[in-house]
Every structure is written in structure tokens, then in C-alpha cells.
Amino acid sequence: TATDNLNGFTDTIKTVFPNSVTQICV
């Protein structure tokens, strides 16, 4: 998943798709 750096976004993704890796937009 590619996202902005919104607080808590990575944890939210992990809750629904636990095997997904998250890249914050550089």
C-alpha cells in the first residue's frame, strides 16, 4: 500500500490486511 503520512494509517491497514507492507509517500 502507498499512502501519505497520516497518523495511524499504517496500523489501520495492518488491521484489515495484516500481510500488506506500507510505503509512506516520500
PDB file of all heavy atoms in Angstrom:
ATOM      1  N   THR A   1       0.851  -1.185   0.000  1.00  0.00           N
ATOM      2  CA  THR A   1       0.000   0.000   0.000  1.00  0.00           C
ATOM      3  C   THR A   1       0.890   1.239   0.000  1.00  0.00           C
ATOM      4  O   THR A   1       1.918   1.279   0.677  1.00  0.00           O
ATOM      5  CB  THR A   1      -0.927   0.042   1.234  1.00  0.00           C
ATOM      6  OG1 THR A   1      -0.144  -0.135   2.426  1.00  0.00           O
ATOM      7  CG2 THR A   1      -1.977  -1.039   1.153  1.00  0.00           C
ATOM      8  N   ALA A   2       0.497   2.234  -0.771  1.00  0.00           N
ATOM      9  CA  ALA A   2       1.225   3.500  -0.845  1.00  0.00           C
ATOM     10  C   ALA A   2       0.296   4.606  -0.359  1.00  0.00           C
ATOM     11  O   ALA A   2      -0.790   4.795  -0.924  1.00  0.00           O
ATOM     12  CB  ALA A   2       1.688   3.768  -2.270  1.00  0.00           C
ATOM     13  N   THR A   3       0.720   5.321   0.691  1.00  0.00           N
ATOM     14  CA  THR A   3      -0.154   6.296   1.346  1.00  0.00           C
ATOM     15  C   THR A   3       0.612   7.564   1.680  1.00  0.00           C
ATOM     16  O   THR A   3       1.833   7.619   1.553  1.00  0.00           O
ATOM     17  CB  THR A   3      -0.727   5.725   2.658  1.00  0.00           C
ATOM     18  OG1 THR A   3       0.326   5.672   3.647  1.00  0.00           O
ATOM     19  CG2 THR A   3      -1.284   4.323   2.458  1.00  0.00           C
ATOM     20  N   ASP A   4      -0.137   8.583   2.133  1.00  0.00           N
ATOM     21  CA  ASP A   4       0.533   9.743   2.717  1.00  0.00           C
ATOM     22  C   ASP A   4       0.873   9.400   4.167  1.00  0.00           C
ATOM     23  O   ASP A   4       0.622   8.283   4.629  1.00  0.00           O
ATOM     24  CB  ASP A   4      -0.339  10.999   2.613  1.00  0.00           C
ATOM     25  CG  ASP A   4      -1.690  10.845   3.296  1.00  0.00           C
ATOM     26  OD1 ASP A   4      -1.825   9.928   4.139  1.00  0.00           O
ATOM     27  OD2 ASP A   4      -2.617  11.616   3.001  1.00  0.00           O
ATOM     28  N   ASN A   5       1.476  10.353   4.891  1.00  0.00           N
ATOM     29  CA  ASN A   5       1.915  10.027   6.261  1.00  0.00           C
ATOM     30  C   ASN A   5       0.885  10.442   7.316  1.00  0.00           C
ATOM     31  O   ASN A   5       1.217  11.025   8.347  1.00  0.00           O
ATOM     32  CB  ASN A   5       3.280  10.663   6.566  1.00  0.00           C
ATOM     33  CG  ASN A   5       3.284  12.166   6.341  1.00  0.00           C
ATOM     34  OD1 ASN A   5       2.286  12.733   5.909  1.00  0.00           O
ATOM     35  ND2 ASN A   5       4.403  12.811   6.627  1.00  0.00           N
ATOM     36  N   LEU A   6      -0.368  10.089   7.070  1.00  0.00           N
ATOM     37  CA  LEU A   6      -1.435  10.350   8.028  1.00  0.00           C
ATOM     38  C   LEU A   6      -1.221   9.504   9.272  1.00  0.00           C
ATOM     39  O   LEU A   6      -0.930   8.310   9.187  1.00  0.00           O
ATOM     40  CB  LEU A   6      -2.778  10.004   7.379  1.00  0.00           C
ATOM     41  CG  LEU A   6      -4.049  10.326   8.165  1.00  0.00           C
ATOM     42  CD1 LEU A   6      -4.257  11.826   8.255  1.00  0.00           C
ATOM     43  CD2 LEU A   6      -5.257   9.676   7.480  1.00  0.00           C
ATOM     44  N   ASN A   7      -1.351  10.124  10.440  1.00  0.00           N
ATOM     45  CA  ASN A   7      -1.129   9.407  11.695  1.00  0.00           C
ATOM     46  C   ASN A   7      -2.045   8.189  11.818  1.00  0.00           C
ATOM     47  O   ASN A   7      -3.251   8.287  11.611  1.00  0.00           O
ATOM     48  CB  ASN A   7      -1.377  10.338  12.896  1.00  0.00           C
ATOM     49  CG  ASN A   7      -0.267  11.347  13.078  1.00  0.00           C
ATOM     50  OD1 ASN A   7       0.861  11.125  12.626  1.00  0.00           O
ATOM     51  ND2 ASN A   7      -0.560  12.465  13.736  1.00  0.00           N
ATOM     52  N   GLY A   8      -1.460   7.050  12.140  1.00  0.00           N
ATOM     53  CA  GLY A   8      -2.241   5.847  12.382  1.00  0.00           C
ATOM     54  C   GLY A   8      -2.644   5.080  11.149  1.00  0.00           C
ATOM     55  O   GLY A   8      -3.285   4.022  11.247  1.00  0.00           O
ATOM     56  N   PHE A   9      -2.260   5.584   9.961  1.00  0.00           N
ATOM     57  CA  PHE A   9      -2.700   4.951   8.712  1.00  0.00           C
ATOM     58  C   PHE A   9      -2.128   3.535   8.582  1.00  0.00           C
ATOM     59  O   PHE A   9      -2.835   2.589   8.226  1.00  0.00           O
ATOM     60  CB  PHE A   9      -2.271   5.809   7.523  1.00  0.00           C
ATOM     61  CG  PHE A   9      -3.143   5.642   6.300  1.00  0.00           C
ATOM     62  CD1 PHE A   9      -3.140   6.594   5.287  1.00  0.00           C
ATOM     63  CD2 PHE A   9      -3.983   4.540   6.154  1.00  0.00           C
ATOM     64  CE1 PHE A   9      -3.936   6.446   4.163  1.00  0.00           C
ATOM     65  CE2 PHE A   9      -4.789   4.387   5.033  1.00  0.00           C
ATOM     66  CZ  PHE A   9      -4.756   5.341   4.042  1.00  0.00           C
ATOM     67  N   THR A  10      -0.855   3.382   8.871  1.00  0.00           N
ATOM     68  CA  THR A  10      -0.212   2.067   8.730  1.00  0.00           C
ATOM     69  C   THR A  10      -0.872   1.027   9.627  1.00  0.00           C
ATOM     70  O   THR A  10      -1.147  -0.109   9.198  1.00  0.00           O
ATOM     71  CB  THR A  10       1.289   2.169   9.059  1.00  0.00           C
ATOM     72  OG1 THR A  10       1.899   3.117   8.171  1.00  0.00           O
ATOM     73  CG2 THR A  10       1.971   0.819   8.885  1.00  0.00           C
ATOM     74  N   ASP A  11      -1.143   1.403  10.877  1.00  0.00           N
ATOM     75  CA  ASP A  11      -1.792   0.467  11.805  1.00  0.00           C
ATOM     76  C   ASP A  11      -3.192   0.099  11.322  1.00  0.00           C
ATOM     77  O   ASP A  11      -3.632  -1.052  11.475  1.00  0.00           O
ATOM     78  CB  ASP A  11      -1.877   1.091  13.199  1.00  0.00           C
ATOM     79  CG  ASP A  11      -0.505   1.245  13.847  1.00  0.00           C
ATOM     80  OD1 ASP A  11       0.412   0.501  13.443  1.00  0.00           O
ATOM     81  OD2 ASP A  11      -0.355   2.098  14.732  1.00  0.00           O
ATOM     82  N   THR A  12      -3.890   1.076  10.744  1.00  0.00           N
ATOM     83  CA  THR A  12      -5.229   0.816  10.205  1.00  0.00           C
ATOM     84  C   THR A  12      -5.171  -0.222   9.088  1.00  0.00           C
ATOM     85  O   THR A  12      -5.985  -1.154   9.035  1.00  0.00           O
ATOM     86  CB  THR A  12      -5.852   2.125   9.678  1.00  0.00           C
ATOM     87  OG1 THR A  12      -5.983   3.055  10.760  1.00  0.00           O
ATOM     88  CG2 THR A  12      -7.215   1.870   9.056  1.00  0.00           C
ATOM     89  N   ILE A  13      -4.210  -0.059   8.187  1.00  0.00           N
ATOM     90  CA  ILE A  13      -4.057  -1.016   7.078  1.00  0.00           C
ATOM     91  C   ILE A  13      -3.747  -2.411   7.614  1.00  0.00           C
ATOM     92  O   ILE A  13      -4.316  -3.408   7.158  1.00  0.00           O
ATOM     93  CB  ILE A  13      -2.953  -0.533   6.114  1.00  0.00           C
ATOM     94  CG1 ILE A  13      -3.372   0.775   5.440  1.00  0.00           C
ATOM     95  CG2 ILE A  13      -2.653  -1.607   5.054  1.00  0.00           C
ATOM     96  CD1 ILE A  13      -2.260   1.484   4.697  1.00  0.00           C
ATOM     97  N   LYS A  14      -2.865  -2.476   8.599  1.00  0.00           N
ATOM     98  CA  LYS A  14      -2.474  -3.772   9.177  1.00  0.00           C
ATOM     99  C   LYS A  14      -3.663  -4.486   9.822  1.00  0.00           C
ATOM    100  O   LYS A  14      -3.730  -5.716   9.850  1.00  0.00           O
ATOM    101  CB  LYS A  14      -1.368  -3.574  10.220  1.00  0.00           C
ATOM    102  CG  LYS A  14      -0.011  -3.210   9.648  1.00  0.00           C
ATOM    103  CD  LYS A  14       0.630  -4.387   8.939  1.00  0.00           C
ATOM    104  CE  LYS A  14       2.036  -4.071   8.483  1.00  0.00           C
ATOM    105  NZ  LYS A  14       2.607  -5.188   7.674  1.00  0.00           N
ATOM    106  N   THR A  15      -4.596  -3.720  10.344  1.00  0.00           N
ATOM    107  CA  THR A  15      -5.769  -4.309  10.988  1.00  0.00           C
ATOM    108  C   THR A  15      -6.623  -5.086   9.988  1.00  0.00           C
ATOM    109  O   THR A  15      -7.149  -6.157  10.295  1.00  0.00           O
ATOM    110  CB  THR A  15      -6.620  -3.198  11.647  1.00  0.00           C
ATOM    111  OG1 THR A  15      -5.829  -2.501  12.604  1.00  0.00           O
ATOM    112  CG2 THR A  15      -7.841  -3.784  12.338  1.00  0.00           C
ATOM    113  N   VAL A  16      -6.756  -4.552   8.764  1.00  0.00           N
ATOM    114  CA  VAL A  16      -7.622  -5.170   7.751  1.00  0.00           C
ATOM    115  C   VAL A  16      -6.828  -6.111   6.841  1.00  0.00           C
ATOM    116  O   VAL A  16      -7.299  -7.200   6.503  1.00  0.00           O
ATOM    117  CB  VAL A  16      -8.333  -4.088   6.912  1.00  0.00           C
ATOM    118  CG1 VAL A  16      -9.311  -4.731   5.928  1.00  0.00           C
ATOM    119  CG2 VAL A  16      -9.070  -3.100   7.808  1.00  0.00           C
ATOM    120  N   PHE A  17      -5.625  -5.688   6.452  1.00  0.00           N
ATOM    121  CA  PHE A  17      -4.761  -6.509   5.589  1.00  0.00           C
ATOM    122  C   PHE A  17      -3.406  -6.693   6.291  1.00  0.00           C
ATOM    123  O   PHE A  17      -2.446  -5.968   6.004  1.00  0.00           O
ATOM    124  CB  PHE A  17      -4.580  -5.846   4.221  1.00  0.00           C
ATOM    125  CG  PHE A  17      -5.852  -5.749   3.416  1.00  0.00           C
ATOM    126  CD1 PHE A  17      -6.563  -4.553   3.363  1.00  0.00           C
ATOM    127  CD2 PHE A  17      -6.340  -6.845   2.728  1.00  0.00           C
ATOM    128  CE1 PHE A  17      -7.739  -4.463   2.624  1.00  0.00           C
ATOM    129  CE2 PHE A  17      -7.517  -6.767   1.991  1.00  0.00           C
ATOM    130  CZ  PHE A  17      -8.220  -5.571   1.937  1.00  0.00           C
ATOM    131  N   PRO A  18      -3.338  -7.636   7.221  1.00  0.00           N
ATOM    132  CA  PRO A  18      -2.155  -7.768   8.081  1.00  0.00           C
ATOM    133  C   PRO A  18      -0.858  -8.096   7.349  1.00  0.00           C
ATOM    134  O   PRO A  18       0.225  -7.806   7.861  1.00  0.00           O
ATOM    135  CB  PRO A  18      -2.545  -8.899   9.036  1.00  0.00           C
ATOM    136  CG  PRO A  18      -3.660  -9.632   8.368  1.00  0.00           C
ATOM    137  CD  PRO A  18      -4.380  -8.626   7.557  1.00  0.00           C
ATOM    138  N   ASN A  19      -0.932  -8.678   6.164  1.00  0.00           N
ATOM    139  CA  ASN A  19       0.283  -9.056   5.439  1.00  0.00           C
ATOM    140  C   ASN A  19       0.778  -7.977   4.480  1.00  0.00           C
ATOM    141  O   ASN A  19       1.792  -8.161   3.806  1.00  0.00           O
ATOM    142  CB  ASN A  19       0.043 -10.355   4.658  1.00  0.00           C
ATOM    143  CG  ASN A  19      -0.227 -11.533   5.580  1.00  0.00           C
ATOM    144  OD1 ASN A  19       0.386 -11.645   6.637  1.00  0.00           O
ATOM    145  ND2 ASN A  19      -1.158 -12.396   5.204  1.00  0.00           N
ATOM    146  N   SER A  20       0.058  -6.868   4.407  1.00  0.00           N
ATOM    147  CA  SER A  20       0.440  -5.798   3.492  1.00  0.00           C
ATOM    148  C   SER A  20       1.590  -4.977   4.076  1.00  0.00           C
ATOM    149  O   SER A  20       1.647  -4.732   5.286  1.00  0.00           O
ATOM    150  CB  SER A  20      -0.758  -4.885   3.227  1.00  0.00           C
ATOM    151  OG  SER A  20      -0.421  -3.848   2.342  1.00  0.00           O
ATOM    152  N   VAL A  21       2.515  -4.562   3.209  1.00  0.00           N
ATOM    153  CA  VAL A  21       3.572  -3.633   3.636  1.00  0.00           C
ATOM    154  C   VAL A  21       3.200  -2.249   3.134  1.00  0.00           C
ATOM    155  O   VAL A  21       2.682  -2.093   2.029  1.00  0.00           O
ATOM    156  CB  VAL A  21       4.961  -4.050   3.108  1.00  0.00           C
ATOM    157  CG1 VAL A  21       5.421  -5.326   3.764  1.00  0.00           C
ATOM    158  CG2 VAL A  21       4.968  -4.186   1.599  1.00  0.00           C
ATOM    159  N   THR A  22       3.461  -1.233   3.970  1.00  0.00           N
ATOM    160  CA  THR A  22       3.025   0.126   3.653  1.00  0.00           C
ATOM    161  C   THR A  22       4.216   1.036   3.397  1.00  0.00           C
ATOM    162  O   THR A  22       5.133   1.119   4.219  1.00  0.00           O
ATOM    163  CB  THR A  22       2.176   0.712   4.800  1.00  0.00           C
ATOM    164  OG1 THR A  22       1.016  -0.106   4.983  1.00  0.00           O
ATOM    165  CG2 THR A  22       1.739   2.132   4.482  1.00  0.00           C
ATOM    166  N   GLN A  23       4.177   1.703   2.253  1.00  0.00           N
ATOM    167  CA  GLN A  23       5.175   2.706   1.894  1.00  0.00           C
ATOM    168  C   GLN A  23       4.548   4.088   2.047  1.00  0.00           C
ATOM    169  O   GLN A  23       3.567   4.408   1.380  1.00  0.00           O
ATOM    170  CB  GLN A  23       5.647   2.506   0.458  1.00  0.00           C
ATOM    171  CG  GLN A  23       6.472   3.659  -0.112  1.00  0.00           C
ATOM    172  CD  GLN A  23       7.814   3.810   0.577  1.00  0.00           C
ATOM    173  OE1 GLN A  23       8.559   2.838   0.712  1.00  0.00           O
ATOM    174  NE2 GLN A  23       8.135   5.014   1.023  1.00  0.00           N
ATOM    175  N   ILE A  24       5.101   4.897   2.949  1.00  0.00           N
ATOM    176  CA  ILE A  24       4.657   6.283   3.073  1.00  0.00           C
ATOM    177  C   ILE A  24       5.248   7.081   1.918  1.00  0.00           C
ATOM    178  O   ILE A  24       6.423   6.928   1.566  1.00  0.00           O
ATOM    179  CB  ILE A  24       5.094   6.885   4.426  1.00  0.00           C
ATOM    180  CG1 ILE A  24       4.275   6.262   5.567  1.00  0.00           C
ATOM    181  CG2 ILE A  24       4.919   8.399   4.432  1.00  0.00           C
ATOM    182  CD1 ILE A  24       4.658   6.771   6.937  1.00  0.00           C
ATOM    183  N   CYS A  25       4.446   7.941   1.335  1.00  0.00           N
ATOM    184  CA  CYS A  25       4.860   8.741   0.181  1.00  0.00           C
ATOM    185  C   CYS A  25       6.036   9.645   0.541  1.00  0.00           C
ATOM    186  O   CYS A  25       5.929  10.501   1.430  1.00  0.00           O
ATOM    187  CB  CYS A  25       3.691   9.574  -0.325  1.00  0.00           C
ATOM    188  SG  CYS A  25       4.107  10.670  -1.686  1.00  0.00           S
ATOM    189  N   VAL A  26       7.158   9.471  -0.136  1.00  0.00           N
ATOM    190  CA  VAL A  26       8.357  10.261   0.130  1.00  0.00           C
ATOM    191  C   VAL A  26       8.132  11.723  -0.254  1.00  0.00           C
ATOM    192  O   VAL A  26       8.625  12.630   0.417  1.00  0.00           O
ATOM    193  CB  VAL A  26       9.566   9.668  -0.632  1.00  0.00           C
ATOM    194  CG1 VAL A  26      10.785  10.586  -0.512  1.00  0.00           C
ATOM    195  CG2 VAL A  26       9.896   8.274  -0.112  1.00  0.00           C
TER     196      VAL A  26
END
